[in-house]
Amino acid sequence: MQYDVTVIGSGPGGYVAAIRAAQLGMKVALVERYPALGGTCLNVGCIPSKALLDSSELYYTAKKHFAAHGIKVSGLDVDWPAMLRRKDKVVADTVAGVAFLMKKNGIAVYEGHGSFADARTIAVTRSDGREERFETRNTIIATGSRPAALPFAPFDNKYLISSTEALALEKIPEQMIVIGGGAIGLELGSVYARLGNASACWNSWTPSFPTWITQWAKSCKNPCSVWE
């Protein structure tokens, strides 16, 4: 099998590039190592964090601002498992939408770890060890990112966790420190602070972040703390 374009990675950069290439009449393959399309953003990044951000904002608004509008609420509480189920459904629906777009645009999807056998040959190694190869005229590398652990404090999935684990905690923590002031850090810090028990702080601030993120973080000091 030979393709005009092969995209390695199915995140927003990858699947959008694949769709556009197909729309331009090219024969396109998309390689994704995980079963679900969409990459970090759709599965364990932007989409799930914004789903929780939406739910937590509704709770916080009801708790802090409804009374000023003459709306009385009694027995207000957080159903954390239900909130997580909604988040998971939002993710599943979005991922299914990407899969539909691949099929609609005639893009061949290969599940497995993509690598170069040579400049024109892509090798896809599946989870069971089987390998499949095909030729490609052009390749777009869109492999995305993953959380980075501190060299002196690796993740232990108990006290030190990445943003991936923070999206699916069994219960809301009493306290939390978020190290990193990017979009996901700011969003997850806001989620847990709004839900009442967590005091979220951002550390390791650097001037390289966009101005809008800096301004947004400073405006979030209530209910969150921002450490620079």
Foldseek 3Di string as FASTA:
>chain_A
DEWAEEEEAQAPVGLVVQLVCLVVPTAYEYEAQDPFGHPCCLPQFVQLLVLLLVVLVVLLCLVPPVVVVVDDDPPRADPVVVSLVSSVVRSVVVRVVSVVSCVVSVYHYHHADWDDPDPFKIWGQHPVGDIDMYGYNYYHYDHDDDDDADPVDGDPLPQRDGSRSLSPDPDQDQEDEQEDQDPSSLSSCSSSLSNPRYAYEYDPDDPPDDPVSVVVSVVPVVVYNYDD
